[in-house]
Amino acid sequence: MFLKLRRIVRLGRREEGVAAVEFALCLLPLLLILGGIIDFGLCCNMQMTISSASRAGARYATLYTVNASGQRLAPNNLSPTVSSYVTTNYSGLLPSNANLQATLGGSAQTSTTSGAYPVTVTVTAQYYWLILGHLVPGLTNPQTLSSAVEMSLE
């Protein structure tokens, strides 16, 4: 009887599975933190790509370009257009749902004077949270990322 009691007491002191249980309890918060780092990194990368695309589009729109008669072309008359220029140069980087808009300030479309035309290029896209969208209830809707750059055609 004393041997049985001793065996029962030894069963309560065994610690072989404690490390596995502690690892399982710590794994979920660590994976949540890692998923958040990955998601925010991808979101920041997309925002930087959108900013770079809008900057490149605005720079392209402000290039000094003339037509056959020597008149300076406004950005709306460029060939290729600002939208096709940006989508061609950023084809693999911009998401498929990106929306690009180039607007020209002022009413004149062509000019031979040195007046400045402000050109605004805006790129917007939706970012869908890959990991956190499934784990955090408030992040099921996509995040709208946007960048607008204004440069002057002088």
Protein backbone atom coordinates (compact mmCIF):
# COMPACT_ATOMS: atom_id res chain seq x y z
CA MET A 1 0.00 0.00 0.00
CA PHE A 2 2.82 2.39 0.78
CA LEU A 3 4.33 1.69 -2.67
CA LYS A 4 1.07 2.51 -4.40
CA LEU A 5 0.78 5.79 -2.53
CA ARG A 6 4.37 6.66 -3.45
CA ARG A 7 3.67 5.94 -7.12
CA ILE A 8 0.59 8.19 -7.08
CA VAL A 9 2.56 11.04 -5.51
CA ARG A 10 5.26 10.69 -8.20
CA LEU A 11 2.62 10.95 -10.94
CA GLY A 12 1.62 14.41 -9.69
CA ARG A 13 5.22 15.68 -9.81
CA ARG A 14 6.04 14.75 -13.40
CA GLU A 15 6.89 17.75 -15.61
CA GLU A 16 7.55 16.22 -19.04
CA GLY A 17 4.64 17.98 -20.80
CA VAL A 18 4.90 21.39 -19.14
CA ALA A 19 7.15 22.88 -21.83
CA ALA A 20 4.77 21.80 -24.59
CA VAL A 21 1.79 23.37 -22.81
CA GLU A 22 3.67 26.64 -22.20
CA PHE A 23 4.76 26.72 -25.84
CA ALA A 24 1.17 26.21 -27.00
CA LEU A 25 -0.04 29.05 -24.77
CA CYS A 26 2.66 31.46 -26.02
CA LEU A 27 2.38 30.50 -29.70
CA LEU A 28 -0.95 32.20 -30.42
CA PRO A 29 0.06 35.71 -29.23
CA LEU A 30 3.41 35.39 -31.00
CA LEU A 31 1.71 34.43 -34.27
CA LEU A 32 -0.71 37.33 -33.89
CA ILE A 33 2.19 39.77 -33.42
CA LEU A 34 4.08 38.26 -36.37
CA GLY A 35 0.96 38.46 -38.57
CA GLY A 36 0.49 42.11 -37.58
CA ILE A 37 4.09 42.92 -38.49
CA ILE A 38 3.70 41.23 -41.88
CA ASP A 39 0.36 42.93 -42.62
CA PHE A 40 1.53 46.42 -41.64
CA GLY A 41 4.74 45.91 -43.63
CA LEU A 42 2.76 44.98 -46.74
CA CYS A 43 0.42 47.95 -46.20
CA CYS A 44 3.37 50.36 -45.86
CA ASN A 45 4.99 48.86 -48.96
CA MET A 46 1.80 49.40 -50.96
CA GLN A 47 1.54 53.00 -49.72
CA MET A 48 5.13 53.70 -50.78
CA THR A 49 4.49 52.16 -54.20
CA ILE A 50 1.38 54.28 -54.67
CA SER A 51 3.30 57.41 -53.64
CA SER A 52 6.11 56.60 -56.04
CA ALA A 53 3.67 55.95 -58.89
CA SER A 54 1.85 59.25 -58.36
CA ARG A 55 5.18 61.10 -58.19
CA ALA A 56 6.39 59.48 -61.42
CA GLY A 57 3.09 60.29 -63.14
CA ALA A 58 3.24 63.93 -62.07
CA ARG A 59 6.83 64.22 -63.23
CA TYR A 60 5.94 62.71 -66.60
CA ALA A 61 3.00 65.11 -66.93
CA THR A 62 5.20 68.14 -66.35
CA LEU A 63 7.77 67.32 -69.02
CA TYR A 64 8.19 70.06 -71.61
CA THR A 65 6.59 68.57 -74.74
CA VAL A 66 5.62 70.36 -77.97
CA ASN A 67 3.52 69.27 -80.92
CA ALA A 68 4.44 69.54 -84.62
CA SER A 69 3.55 73.28 -84.77
CA GLY A 70 5.72 74.14 -81.74
CA GLN A 71 2.91 74.59 -79.23
CA ARG A 72 3.49 73.20 -75.77
CA LEU A 73 1.23 70.25 -75.00
CA ALA A 74 -0.80 70.15 -71.84
CA PRO A 75 -0.62 66.94 -69.80
CA ASN A 76 -4.03 65.78 -71.04
CA ASN A 77 -2.69 65.70 -74.62
CA LEU A 78 0.46 63.68 -73.94
CA SER A 79 1.00 60.42 -75.77
CA PRO A 80 1.11 58.01 -74.01
CA THR A 81 -1.27 59.41 -71.44
CA VAL A 82 -0.23 59.80 -67.83
CA SER A 83 -2.42 56.85 -66.83
CA SER A 84 -0.94 54.50 -69.40
CA TYR A 85 2.59 55.71 -68.57
CA VAL A 86 2.17 54.93 -64.88
CA THR A 87 0.41 51.61 -65.41
CA THR A 88 3.10 50.52 -67.88
CA ASN A 89 6.00 51.45 -65.58
CA TYR A 90 4.34 50.14 -62.41
CA SER A 91 2.48 47.17 -63.93
CA GLY A 92 3.79 44.56 -61.50
CA LEU A 93 3.89 46.82 -58.47
CA LEU A 94 0.46 48.47 -58.39
CA PRO A 95 -2.46 46.35 -57.23
CA SER A 96 -5.10 45.41 -59.78
CA ASN A 97 -7.70 47.60 -58.05
CA ALA A 98 -5.56 50.78 -58.29
CA ASN A 99 -7.33 53.85 -59.64
CA LEU A 100 -5.24 56.57 -61.29
CA GLN A 101 -6.49 60.07 -62.05
CA ALA A 102 -4.54 62.98 -63.58
CA THR A 103 -6.12 66.42 -63.48
CA LEU A 104 -4.87 69.64 -65.02
CA GLY A 105 -5.41 72.91 -63.22
CA GLY A 106 -6.72 75.87 -65.23
CA SER A 107 -8.91 75.84 -68.32
CA ALA A 108 -6.34 75.99 -71.15
CA GLN A 109 -5.24 72.72 -72.72
CA THR A 110 -2.38 74.09 -74.87
CA SER A 111 -0.18 77.07 -74.35
CA THR A 112 2.86 78.74 -75.88
CA THR A 113 3.39 81.05 -72.92
CA SER A 114 5.40 80.18 -69.86
CA GLY A 115 2.41 80.17 -67.54
CA ALA A 116 2.40 77.40 -64.95
CA TYR A 117 -0.18 74.63 -65.16
CA PRO A 118 -0.56 72.72 -61.91
CA VAL A 119 -0.93 69.00 -62.56
CA THR A 120 -2.30 66.71 -59.89
CA VAL A 121 -1.87 62.95 -60.16
CA THR A 122 -3.83 60.89 -57.65
CA VAL A 123 -3.47 57.14 -57.17
CA THR A 124 -5.83 55.23 -54.86
CA ALA A 125 -6.05 51.52 -54.06
CA GLN A 126 -7.74 49.22 -51.60
CA TYR A 127 -5.59 47.15 -49.22
CA TYR A 128 -7.19 43.98 -47.91
CA TRP A 129 -5.69 42.79 -44.61
CA LEU A 130 -4.30 39.31 -45.24
CA ILE A 131 -3.80 37.99 -41.72
CA LEU A 132 -5.32 40.52 -39.34
CA GLY A 133 -8.52 40.72 -41.37
CA HIS A 134 -9.32 37.15 -40.33
CA LEU A 135 -8.31 37.59 -36.70
CA VAL A 136 -9.43 41.11 -35.75
CA PRO A 137 -13.18 41.75 -36.23
CA GLY A 138 -12.87 45.47 -37.12
CA LEU A 139 -10.42 44.91 -39.98
CA THR A 140 -12.68 42.96 -42.33
CA ASN A 141 -13.22 46.05 -44.52
CA PRO A 142 -10.40 47.09 -46.86
CA GLN A 143 -8.18 50.07 -46.09
CA THR A 144 -8.17 52.84 -48.72
CA LEU A 145 -4.67 54.03 -49.52
CA SER A 146 -4.22 57.24 -51.50
CA SER A 147 -1.46 59.53 -52.69
CA ALA A 148 -1.75 62.83 -54.54
CA VAL A 149 1.18 64.75 -56.02
CA GLU A 150 0.93 68.21 -57.55
CA MET A 151 3.64 69.63 -59.80
CA SER A 152 3.67 72.64 -62.07
CA LEU A 153 4.19 72.61 -65.81
CA GLU A 154 6.19 75.75 -66.41
